[in-house]
Amino acid sequence: MHKLRFLKEFLHHPGATWAIAESSTGLAELITDAADLSDASMVVEFGSGTGVFTEKILEKVSADASAIALEVNPAFVKETRRRCPQATVIHDSAVNTARHLKSAGVERCDRIICGLPWACFSRSLQDQLLDTVQEVLTPGGKFLTFAYLHGLLLPSGRRFRKCLSSRFEKIVETPIIWKNLPPAFVYCAER
């Protein structure tokens, strides 16, 4: 997606987009490497955005693995489908993941890679989404999401970190990707 079109989406939907540029290739590499997708059988992506993560997920999953991406922004759904024509991209909220997994013939997934802007969400939406993660992620599965460095300064960003800690025993934070705009790091939580 052209940078000006992405910026336009940010200006029209700042609460849903929250970034002024798409995620960098470096962040996509980091989050998909941390997910260890080689042995995943079902991968779900929350918030495909423009397909930067989707592209890397499809590169790294095995040939017999399945993957679905959920995105609420119709312009981003269109862009992800254009960028990754072989991807299953669903125009819907991640809160409805269980329904879409059932439609795919499975109850749970073993990886969730998330590109949602947690720090701009209300506590109730954060809880709803994390309840969904707990509902659909297999025991031993991994939930990976990134956070913008500046988001840690916001009460909602700190609240999200506490909420994550209350639901997962093991959480690893990666180094910061400074070349991402804005700089970001990844939380890797295991169920």
C-alpha atoms as a PDB file:
ATOM      1  CA  MET A   1       0.000   0.000   0.000  1.00  0.00           C
ATOM      2  CA  HIS A   2       1.329   3.384  -0.895  1.00  0.00           C
ATOM      3  CA  LYS A   3       2.515   5.353   2.154  1.00  0.00           C
ATOM      4  CA  LEU A   4       0.070   8.198   1.514  1.00  0.00           C
ATOM      5  CA  ARG A   5      -2.875   5.772   1.363  1.00  0.00           C
ATOM      6  CA  PHE A   6      -1.800   4.248   4.678  1.00  0.00           C
ATOM      7  CA  LEU A   7      -1.547   7.716   6.207  1.00  0.00           C
ATOM      8  CA  LYS A   8      -5.052   8.450   4.863  1.00  0.00           C
ATOM      9  CA  GLU A   9      -6.370   5.350   6.692  1.00  0.00           C
ATOM     10  CA  PHE A  10      -4.684   6.579   9.870  1.00  0.00           C
ATOM     11  CA  LEU A  11      -6.281  10.011   9.510  1.00  0.00           C
ATOM     12  CA  HIS A  12      -9.748   8.536   8.864  1.00  0.00           C
ATOM     13  CA  HIS A  13      -9.520   5.779  11.507  1.00  0.00           C
ATOM     14  CA  PRO A  14      -6.845   6.798  14.064  1.00  0.00           C
ATOM     15  CA  GLY A  15      -8.394   4.696  16.847  1.00  0.00           C
ATOM     16  CA  ALA A  16      -8.266   1.566  14.705  1.00  0.00           C
ATOM     17  CA  THR A  17      -5.035   2.180  12.798  1.00  0.00           C
ATOM     18  CA  TRP A  18      -2.907   4.006  15.380  1.00  0.00           C
ATOM     19  CA  ALA A  19       0.244   3.985  13.231  1.00  0.00           C
ATOM     20  CA  ILE A  20       1.230   6.413  10.530  1.00  0.00           C
ATOM     21  CA  ALA A  21       3.013   3.731   8.480  1.00  0.00           C
ATOM     22  CA  GLU A  22       2.666  -0.005   7.912  1.00  0.00           C
ATOM     23  CA  SER A  23       4.824  -2.340   9.985  1.00  0.00           C
ATOM     24  CA  SER A  24       8.378  -2.774   8.787  1.00  0.00           C
ATOM     25  CA  THR A  25       9.781  -5.941   7.258  1.00  0.00           C
ATOM     26  CA  GLY A  26      12.097  -6.128  10.281  1.00  0.00           C
ATOM     27  CA  LEU A  27       9.148  -6.242  12.685  1.00  0.00           C
ATOM     28  CA  ALA A  28       7.397  -8.833  10.484  1.00  0.00           C
ATOM     29  CA  GLU A  29      10.537 -11.002  10.485  1.00  0.00           C
ATOM     30  CA  LEU A  30      10.899 -10.664  14.252  1.00  0.00           C
ATOM     31  CA  ILE A  31       7.314 -11.562  15.140  1.00  0.00           C
ATOM     32  CA  THR A  32       7.144 -14.525  12.737  1.00  0.00           C
ATOM     33  CA  ASP A  33      10.558 -15.840  13.819  1.00  0.00           C
ATOM     34  CA  ALA A  34       9.531 -15.589  17.488  1.00  0.00           C
ATOM     35  CA  ALA A  35       6.334 -17.510  16.626  1.00  0.00           C
ATOM     36  CA  ASP A  36       8.365 -20.509  15.387  1.00  0.00           C
ATOM     37  CA  LEU A  37       5.855 -21.267  12.651  1.00  0.00           C
ATOM     38  CA  SER A  38       7.635 -24.344  11.293  1.00  0.00           C
ATOM     39  CA  ASP A  39       5.572 -26.725  13.449  1.00  0.00           C
ATOM     40  CA  ALA A  40       2.320 -24.734  13.583  1.00  0.00           C
ATOM     41  CA  SER A  41      -0.779 -26.395  12.150  1.00  0.00           C
ATOM     42  CA  MET A  42      -3.221 -23.450  12.404  1.00  0.00           C
ATOM     43  CA  VAL A  43      -2.159 -19.811  12.557  1.00  0.00           C
ATOM     44  CA  VAL A  44      -4.568 -16.938  13.138  1.00  0.00           C
ATOM     45  CA  GLU A  45      -3.641 -13.331  12.500  1.00  0.00           C
ATOM     46  CA  PHE A  46      -5.522 -10.598  14.341  1.00  0.00           C
ATOM     47  CA  GLY A  47      -5.464  -7.391  12.295  1.00  0.00           C
ATOM     48  CA  SER A  48      -3.716  -8.115   8.998  1.00  0.00           C
ATOM     49  CA  GLY A  49      -3.310  -4.434   8.216  1.00  0.00           C
ATOM     50  CA  THR A  50      -1.729  -4.213   4.776  1.00  0.00           C
ATOM     51  CA  GLY A  51      -0.491  -7.808   4.822  1.00  0.00           C
ATOM     52  CA  VAL A  52       3.114  -7.284   5.932  1.00  0.00           C
ATOM     53  CA  PHE A  53       2.821  -9.983   8.624  1.00  0.00           C
ATOM     54  CA  THR A  54       0.498 -12.108   6.463  1.00  0.00           C
ATOM     55  CA  GLU A  55       3.156 -12.309   3.766  1.00  0.00           C
ATOM     56  CA  LYS A  56       5.799 -13.511   6.247  1.00  0.00           C
ATOM     57  CA  ILE A  57       3.398 -15.977   7.875  1.00  0.00           C
ATOM     58  CA  LEU A  58       2.684 -17.569   4.498  1.00  0.00           C
ATOM     59  CA  GLU A  59       6.419 -17.756   3.738  1.00  0.00           C
ATOM     60  CA  LYS A  60       7.213 -19.509   7.027  1.00  0.00           C
ATOM     61  CA  VAL A  61       4.355 -21.966   7.681  1.00  0.00           C
ATOM     62  CA  SER A  62       4.678 -25.534   6.447  1.00  0.00           C
ATOM     63  CA  ALA A  63       2.800 -26.594   3.324  1.00  0.00           C
ATOM     64  CA  ASP A  64       0.220 -28.544   5.357  1.00  0.00           C
ATOM     65  CA  ALA A  65      -0.516 -25.688   7.809  1.00  0.00           C
ATOM     66  CA  SER A  66      -3.575 -23.441   7.601  1.00  0.00           C
ATOM     67  CA  ALA A  67      -3.750 -19.729   8.274  1.00  0.00           C
ATOM     68  CA  ILE A  68      -6.517 -17.149   8.469  1.00  0.00           C
ATOM     69  CA  ALA A  69      -6.321 -13.397   8.932  1.00  0.00           C
ATOM     70  CA  LEU A  70      -9.047 -11.177  10.394  1.00  0.00           C
ATOM     71  CA  GLU A  71      -9.212  -7.455   9.675  1.00  0.00           C
ATOM     72  CA  VAL A  72     -11.942  -4.854  10.343  1.00  0.00           C
ATOM     73  CA  ASN A  73     -10.757  -2.129   7.963  1.00  0.00           C
ATOM     74  CA  PRO A  74     -12.129  -2.851   4.448  1.00  0.00           C
ATOM     75  CA  ALA A  75      -9.275  -0.967   2.731  1.00  0.00           C
ATOM     76  CA  PHE A  76      -6.748  -3.140   4.589  1.00  0.00           C
ATOM     77  CA  VAL A  77      -8.681  -6.323   3.766  1.00  0.00           C
ATOM     78  CA  LYS A  78      -8.493  -5.378   0.090  1.00  0.00           C
ATOM     79  CA  GLU A  79      -4.785  -4.553   0.328  1.00  0.00           C
ATOM     80  CA  THR A  80      -3.922  -7.803   2.137  1.00  0.00           C
ATOM     81  CA  ARG A  81      -5.847  -9.807  -0.472  1.00  0.00           C
ATOM     82  CA  ARG A  82      -3.998  -7.967  -3.254  1.00  0.00           C
ATOM     83  CA  ARG A  83      -0.622  -8.484  -1.613  1.00  0.00           C
ATOM     84  CA  CYS A  84      -1.281 -12.119  -0.602  1.00  0.00           C
ATOM     85  CA  PRO A  85      -3.828 -13.574  -3.045  1.00  0.00           C
ATOM     86  CA  GLN A  86      -3.384 -17.081  -1.593  1.00  0.00           C
ATOM     87  CA  ALA A  87      -4.296 -15.874   1.936  1.00  0.00           C
ATOM     88  CA  THR A  88      -7.635 -16.401   3.654  1.00  0.00           C
ATOM     89  CA  VAL A  89      -8.500 -12.866   4.766  1.00  0.00           C
ATOM     90  CA  ILE A  90     -11.785 -12.359   6.587  1.00  0.00           C
ATOM     91  CA  HIS A  91     -13.420  -8.962   6.998  1.00  0.00           C
ATOM     92  CA  ASP A  92     -14.429  -9.295  10.653  1.00  0.00           C
ATOM     93  CA  SER A  93     -13.342  -8.596  14.211  1.00  0.00           C
ATOM     94  CA  ALA A  94     -10.840 -10.894  15.905  1.00  0.00           C
ATOM     95  CA  VAL A  95     -13.434 -11.309  18.671  1.00  0.00           C
ATOM     96  CA  ASN A  96     -15.224 -13.685  16.267  1.00  0.00           C
ATOM     97  CA  THR A  97     -12.240 -15.980  15.732  1.00  0.00           C
ATOM     98  CA  ALA A  98     -13.894 -19.083  17.234  1.00  0.00           C
ATOM     99  CA  ARG A  99     -16.680 -18.925  14.644  1.00  0.00           C
ATOM    100  CA  HIS A 100     -14.189 -18.677  11.779  1.00  0.00           C
ATOM    101  CA  LEU A 101     -12.060 -21.523  13.108  1.00  0.00           C
ATOM    102  CA  LYS A 102     -15.171 -23.715  13.286  1.00  0.00           C
ATOM    103  CA  SER A 103     -15.957 -22.798   9.675  1.00  0.00           C
ATOM    104  CA  ALA A 104     -12.431 -23.972   8.802  1.00  0.00           C
ATOM    105  CA  GLY A 105     -13.122 -27.282  10.554  1.00  0.00           C
ATOM    106  CA  VAL A 106     -11.019 -26.751  13.683  1.00  0.00           C
ATOM    107  CA  GLU A 107     -11.724 -25.690  17.258  1.00  0.00           C
ATOM    108  CA  ARG A 108      -8.382 -24.102  18.147  1.00  0.00           C
ATOM    109  CA  CYS A 109      -5.167 -22.691  16.765  1.00  0.00           C
ATOM    110  CA  ASP A 110      -1.607 -23.073  17.981  1.00  0.00           C
ATOM    111  CA  ARG A 111      -0.343 -19.603  17.032  1.00  0.00           C
ATOM    112  CA  ILE A 112      -1.909 -16.157  17.088  1.00  0.00           C
ATOM    113  CA  ILE A 113       0.052 -13.302  15.564  1.00  0.00           C
ATOM    114  CA  CYS A 114      -1.508  -9.982  16.361  1.00  0.00           C
ATOM    115  CA  GLY A 115      -1.120  -6.568  14.776  1.00  0.00           C
ATOM    116  CA  LEU A 116      -3.815  -4.796  16.780  1.00  0.00           C
ATOM    117  CA  PRO A 117      -3.188  -1.420  18.488  1.00  0.00           C
ATOM    118  CA  TRP A 118      -3.736  -2.574  22.098  1.00  0.00           C
ATOM    119  CA  ALA A 119      -2.783   0.719  23.725  1.00  0.00           C
ATOM    120  CA  CYS A 120      -5.638   2.555  22.001  1.00  0.00           C
ATOM    121  CA  PHE A 121      -8.290   0.023  23.094  1.00  0.00           C
ATOM    122  CA  SER A 122     -10.558   0.334  26.098  1.00  0.00           C
ATOM    123  CA  ARG A 123     -10.108  -2.127  28.940  1.00  0.00           C
ATOM    124  CA  SER A 124     -13.321  -3.924  27.936  1.00  0.00           C
ATOM    125  CA  LEU A 125     -12.119  -4.450  24.343  1.00  0.00           C
ATOM    126  CA  GLN A 126      -8.684  -5.574  25.564  1.00  0.00           C
ATOM    127  CA  ASP A 127     -10.423  -8.081  27.852  1.00  0.00           C
ATOM    128  CA  GLN A 128     -12.743  -9.284  25.075  1.00  0.00           C
ATOM    129  CA  LEU A 129      -9.842  -9.883  22.716  1.00  0.00           C
ATOM    130  CA  LEU A 130      -7.713 -11.613  25.353  1.00  0.00           C
ATOM    131  CA  ASP A 131     -10.718 -13.775  26.306  1.00  0.00           C
ATOM    132  CA  THR A 132     -10.865 -14.772  22.627  1.00  0.00           C
ATOM    133  CA  VAL A 133      -7.153 -15.635  22.674  1.00  0.00           C
ATOM    134  CA  GLN A 134      -7.672 -17.849  25.735  1.00  0.00           C
ATOM    135  CA  GLU A 135     -10.724 -19.484  24.147  1.00  0.00           C
ATOM    136  CA  VAL A 136      -9.080 -20.458  20.839  1.00  0.00           C
ATOM    137  CA  LEU A 137      -5.373 -20.956  21.647  1.00  0.00           C
ATOM    138  CA  THR A 138      -4.299 -24.529  22.352  1.00  0.00           C
ATOM    139  CA  PRO A 139      -2.392 -25.325  25.553  1.00  0.00           C
ATOM    140  CA  GLY A 140       1.268 -24.758  24.716  1.00  0.00           C
ATOM    141  CA  GLY A 141       0.284 -22.365  21.929  1.00  0.00           C
ATOM    142  CA  LYS A 142       1.882 -18.958  21.407  1.00  0.00           C
ATOM    143  CA  PHE A 143       0.274 -15.548  21.285  1.00  0.00           C
ATOM    144  CA  LEU A 144       2.477 -12.855  19.769  1.00  0.00           C
ATOM    145  CA  THR A 145       1.706  -9.186  19.558  1.00  0.00           C
ATOM    146  CA  PHE A 146       3.750  -6.059  19.220  1.00  0.00           C
ATOM    147  CA  ALA A 147       3.672  -2.800  21.105  1.00  0.00           C
ATOM    148  CA  TYR A 148       4.891   0.606  20.097  1.00  0.00           C
ATOM    149  CA  LEU A 149       7.502   1.960  22.428  1.00  0.00           C
ATOM    150  CA  HIS A 150       5.552   5.180  23.014  1.00  0.00           C
ATOM    151  CA  GLY A 151       2.474   3.125  23.924  1.00  0.00           C
ATOM    152  CA  LEU A 152       4.167   2.093  27.162  1.00  0.00           C
ATOM    153  CA  LEU A 153       3.805   5.691  28.315  1.00  0.00           C
ATOM    154  CA  LEU A 154       0.026   5.522  28.031  1.00  0.00           C
ATOM    155  CA  PRO A 155      -2.114   4.148  30.874  1.00  0.00           C
ATOM    156  CA  SER A 156      -3.819   1.789  28.393  1.00  0.00           C
ATOM    157  CA  GLY A 157      -0.419   0.440  27.265  1.00  0.00           C
ATOM    158  CA  ARG A 158       0.640  -0.241  30.856  1.00  0.00           C
ATOM    159  CA  ARG A 159      -2.788  -1.737  31.575  1.00  0.00           C
ATOM    160  CA  PHE A 160      -2.408  -4.082  28.594  1.00  0.00           C
ATOM    161  CA  ARG A 161       0.972  -5.304  29.864  1.00  0.00           C
ATOM    162  CA  LYS A 162      -0.540  -6.059  33.303  1.00  0.00           C
ATOM    163  CA  CYS A 163      -3.526  -7.764  31.706  1.00  0.00           C
ATOM    164  CA  LEU A 164      -1.209  -9.920  29.587  1.00  0.00           C
ATOM    165  CA  SER A 165       0.800 -10.873  32.692  1.00  0.00           C
ATOM    166  CA  SER A 166      -2.361 -11.880  34.529  1.00  0.00           C
ATOM    167  CA  ARG A 167      -3.334 -14.325  31.753  1.00  0.00           C
ATOM    168  CA  PHE A 168       0.013 -15.860  30.756  1.00  0.00           C
ATOM    169  CA  GLU A 169       2.709 -17.281  33.000  1.00  0.00           C
ATOM    170  CA  LYS A 170       5.485 -16.911  30.462  1.00  0.00           C
ATOM    171  CA  ILE A 171       5.964 -13.678  28.520  1.00  0.00           C
ATOM    172  CA  VAL A 172       9.141 -12.783  26.661  1.00  0.00           C
ATOM    173  CA  GLU A 173       9.833  -9.322  25.261  1.00  0.00           C
ATOM    174  CA  THR A 174      12.053  -9.021  22.204  1.00  0.00           C
ATOM    175  CA  PRO A 175      14.558  -6.274  21.500  1.00  0.00           C
ATOM    176  CA  ILE A 176      13.178  -3.055  20.039  1.00  0.00           C
ATOM    177  CA  ILE A 177      12.996  -2.658  16.266  1.00  0.00           C
ATOM    178  CA  TRP A 178      14.148   0.941  15.990  1.00  0.00           C
ATOM    179  CA  LYS A 179      13.670   1.071  12.210  1.00  0.00           C
ATOM    180  CA  ASN A 180       9.938   0.481  12.576  1.00  0.00           C
ATOM    181  CA  LEU A 181       7.822   3.643  12.468  1.00  0.00           C
ATOM    182  CA  PRO A 182       7.150   4.077  15.363  1.00  0.00           C
ATOM    183  CA  PRO A 183       9.719   1.826  17.109  1.00  0.00           C
ATOM    184  CA  ALA A 184       8.199  -1.420  18.389  1.00  0.00           C
ATOM    185  CA  PHE A 185       8.948  -4.671  20.180  1.00  0.00           C
ATOM    186  CA  VAL A 186       7.144  -8.022  20.436  1.00  0.00           C
ATOM    187  CA  TYR A 187       5.496  -9.744  23.379  1.00  0.00           C
ATOM    188  CA  CYS A 188       5.625 -13.539  23.035  1.00  0.00           C
ATOM    189  CA  ALA A 189       3.234 -15.209  25.478  1.00  0.00           C
ATOM    190  CA  GLU A 190       2.811 -18.966  25.867  1.00  0.00           C
ATOM    191  CA  ARG A 191      -0.339 -20.626  27.099  1.00  0.00           C
END
